[in-house]
Amino acid sequence: MIKFRIITFYTILVYTTLVRNITFSADENKIDRAREVARGEHKTLNDAFREWLDWYASRSINREEVEALFKKLKYVNAGRKFTRDEMNER
């Protein structure tokens, strides 16, 4: 009896890009919940964050949208003018 052994070779191509690490701090419970959500979507929390970062970085507001918002909020009256320090207070 002749036995044949089939050997299959797989080539794994790895594409790398330069990435920078970021450190955030957040409530442990929120991180755990976020991981659960990501797991439910079959992805890592890191992948979910990268998707969010892409979305966040791609947002842009044009001048017309800002002017429309100011026009929409024109009715708001604080009753007085604020000082520069008050407007920049955090």
C-alpha atoms as a PDB file:
ATOM      1  CA  MET A   1       0.000   0.000   0.000  1.00  0.00           C
ATOM      2  CA  ILE A   2       1.375   3.396  -0.996  1.00  0.00           C
ATOM      3  CA  LYS A   3       0.590   6.348   1.250  1.00  0.00           C
ATOM      4  CA  PHE A   4       0.706   9.852  -0.041  1.00  0.00           C
ATOM      5  CA  ARG A   5       1.124  12.802   2.178  1.00  0.00           C
ATOM      6  CA  ILE A   6      -0.170  16.085   0.877  1.00  0.00           C
ATOM      7  CA  ILE A   7       1.584  19.056   2.333  1.00  0.00           C
ATOM      8  CA  THR A   8       0.006  22.419   1.858  1.00  0.00           C
ATOM      9  CA  PHE A   9       1.998  25.569   2.358  1.00  0.00           C
ATOM     10  CA  TYR A  10       0.261  28.802   3.174  1.00  0.00           C
ATOM     11  CA  THR A  11       1.798  32.137   2.593  1.00  0.00           C
ATOM     12  CA  ILE A  12       0.694  34.762   5.023  1.00  0.00           C
ATOM     13  CA  LEU A  13       1.069  38.294   3.805  1.00  0.00           C
ATOM     14  CA  VAL A  14       1.188  40.932   6.461  1.00  0.00           C
ATOM     15  CA  TYR A  15       0.642  44.521   5.533  1.00  0.00           C
ATOM     16  CA  THR A  16       1.915  46.916   8.126  1.00  0.00           C
ATOM     17  CA  THR A  17       1.444  50.605   8.489  1.00  0.00           C
ATOM     18  CA  LEU A  18       3.013  52.909  10.965  1.00  0.00           C
ATOM     19  CA  VAL A  19       0.665  53.560  13.831  1.00  0.00           C
ATOM     20  CA  ARG A  20       0.969  55.699  16.911  1.00  0.00           C
ATOM     21  CA  ASN A  21      -0.169  54.542  20.304  1.00  0.00           C
ATOM     22  CA  ILE A  22      -2.566  56.633  22.356  1.00  0.00           C
ATOM     23  CA  THR A  23      -3.318  56.180  26.024  1.00  0.00           C
ATOM     24  CA  PHE A  24      -6.741  57.109  27.354  1.00  0.00           C
ATOM     25  CA  SER A  25      -8.191  56.808  30.777  1.00  0.00           C
ATOM     26  CA  ALA A  26     -11.815  55.907  31.357  1.00  0.00           C
ATOM     27  CA  ASP A  27     -14.091  54.362  33.924  1.00  0.00           C
ATOM     28  CA  GLU A  28     -13.380  50.643  34.188  1.00  0.00           C
ATOM     29  CA  ASN A  29     -17.069  49.746  33.878  1.00  0.00           C
ATOM     30  CA  LYS A  30     -17.390  51.711  30.641  1.00  0.00           C
ATOM     31  CA  ILE A  31     -14.353  49.971  29.199  1.00  0.00           C
ATOM     32  CA  ASP A  32     -15.787  46.574  30.124  1.00  0.00           C
ATOM     33  CA  ARG A  33     -19.163  47.459  28.561  1.00  0.00           C
ATOM     34  CA  ALA A  34     -17.440  48.757  25.420  1.00  0.00           C
ATOM     35  CA  ARG A  35     -15.495  45.511  25.134  1.00  0.00           C
ATOM     36  CA  GLU A  36     -18.745  43.540  25.398  1.00  0.00           C
ATOM     37  CA  VAL A  37     -20.332  45.637  22.647  1.00  0.00           C
ATOM     38  CA  ALA A  38     -17.281  45.179  20.429  1.00  0.00           C
ATOM     39  CA  ARG A  39     -17.267  41.446  21.113  1.00  0.00           C
ATOM     40  CA  GLY A  40     -20.942  41.318  20.096  1.00  0.00           C
ATOM     41  CA  GLU A  41     -19.912  42.929  16.809  1.00  0.00           C
ATOM     42  CA  HIS A  42     -17.116  40.360  16.366  1.00  0.00           C
ATOM     43  CA  LYS A  43     -14.330  42.903  16.665  1.00  0.00           C
ATOM     44  CA  THR A  44     -11.833  44.092  19.219  1.00  0.00           C
ATOM     45  CA  LEU A  45     -12.205  47.253  21.226  1.00  0.00           C
ATOM     46  CA  ASN A  46      -9.158  48.550  19.385  1.00  0.00           C
ATOM     47  CA  ASP A  47     -10.872  47.959  16.018  1.00  0.00           C
ATOM     48  CA  ALA A  48     -14.030  49.688  17.261  1.00  0.00           C
ATOM     49  CA  PHE A  49     -11.995  52.647  18.453  1.00  0.00           C
ATOM     50  CA  ARG A  50     -10.208  52.904  15.104  1.00  0.00           C
ATOM     51  CA  GLU A  51     -13.581  52.968  13.326  1.00  0.00           C
ATOM     52  CA  TRP A  52     -14.781  55.722  15.650  1.00  0.00           C
ATOM     53  CA  LEU A  53     -11.534  57.662  15.158  1.00  0.00           C
ATOM     54  CA  ASP A  54     -11.942  57.472  11.361  1.00  0.00           C
ATOM     55  CA  TRP A  55     -15.513  58.767  11.671  1.00  0.00           C
ATOM     56  CA  TYR A  56     -14.540  61.509  14.123  1.00  0.00           C
ATOM     57  CA  ALA A  57     -11.594  62.694  12.032  1.00  0.00           C
ATOM     58  CA  SER A  58     -13.681  62.791   8.847  1.00  0.00           C
ATOM     59  CA  ARG A  59     -16.360  65.067  10.302  1.00  0.00           C
ATOM     60  CA  SER A  60     -16.370  68.521   8.910  1.00  0.00           C
ATOM     61  CA  ILE A  61     -18.748  71.403   9.279  1.00  0.00           C
ATOM     62  CA  ASN A  62     -18.867  73.978   6.559  1.00  0.00           C
ATOM     63  CA  ARG A  63     -19.487  77.690   7.004  1.00  0.00           C
ATOM     64  CA  GLU A  64     -23.093  77.473   5.811  1.00  0.00           C
ATOM     65  CA  GLU A  65     -23.935  74.895   8.493  1.00  0.00           C
ATOM     66  CA  VAL A  66     -22.421  77.073  11.224  1.00  0.00           C
ATOM     67  CA  GLU A  67     -24.270  80.157  10.002  1.00  0.00           C
ATOM     68  CA  ALA A  68     -27.529  78.184   9.858  1.00  0.00           C
ATOM     69  CA  LEU A  69     -26.989  77.057  13.456  1.00  0.00           C
ATOM     70  CA  PHE A  70     -26.334  80.635  14.621  1.00  0.00           C
ATOM     71  CA  LYS A  71     -29.458  81.792  12.809  1.00  0.00           C
ATOM     72  CA  LYS A  72     -31.482  79.000  14.408  1.00  0.00           C
ATOM     73  CA  LEU A  73     -30.210  79.934  17.896  1.00  0.00           C
ATOM     74  CA  LYS A  74     -30.577  83.697  17.410  1.00  0.00           C
ATOM     75  CA  TYR A  75     -33.573  83.776  19.767  1.00  0.00           C
ATOM     76  CA  VAL A  76     -31.360  82.808  22.726  1.00  0.00           C
ATOM     77  CA  ASN A  77     -30.799  85.831  24.977  1.00  0.00           C
ATOM     78  CA  ALA A  78     -28.625  85.602  28.082  1.00  0.00           C
ATOM     79  CA  GLY A  79     -29.872  88.986  29.271  1.00  0.00           C
ATOM     80  CA  ARG A  80     -26.437  90.608  29.305  1.00  0.00           C
ATOM     81  CA  LYS A  81     -23.061  90.628  27.609  1.00  0.00           C
ATOM     82  CA  PHE A  82     -20.343  88.419  29.048  1.00  0.00           C
ATOM     83  CA  THR A  83     -16.779  89.489  29.755  1.00  0.00           C
ATOM     84  CA  ARG A  84     -13.915  87.858  27.888  1.00  0.00           C
ATOM     85  CA  ASP A  85     -12.891  85.987  31.063  1.00  0.00           C
ATOM     86  CA  GLU A  86     -16.429  84.681  31.565  1.00  0.00           C
ATOM     87  CA  MET A  87     -16.640  83.479  27.972  1.00  0.00           C
ATOM     88  CA  ASN A  88     -13.312  81.632  28.262  1.00  0.00           C
ATOM     89  CA  GLU A  89     -14.006  80.166  31.693  1.00  0.00           C
ATOM     90  CA  ARG A  90     -13.925  76.394  31.841  1.00  0.00           C
END
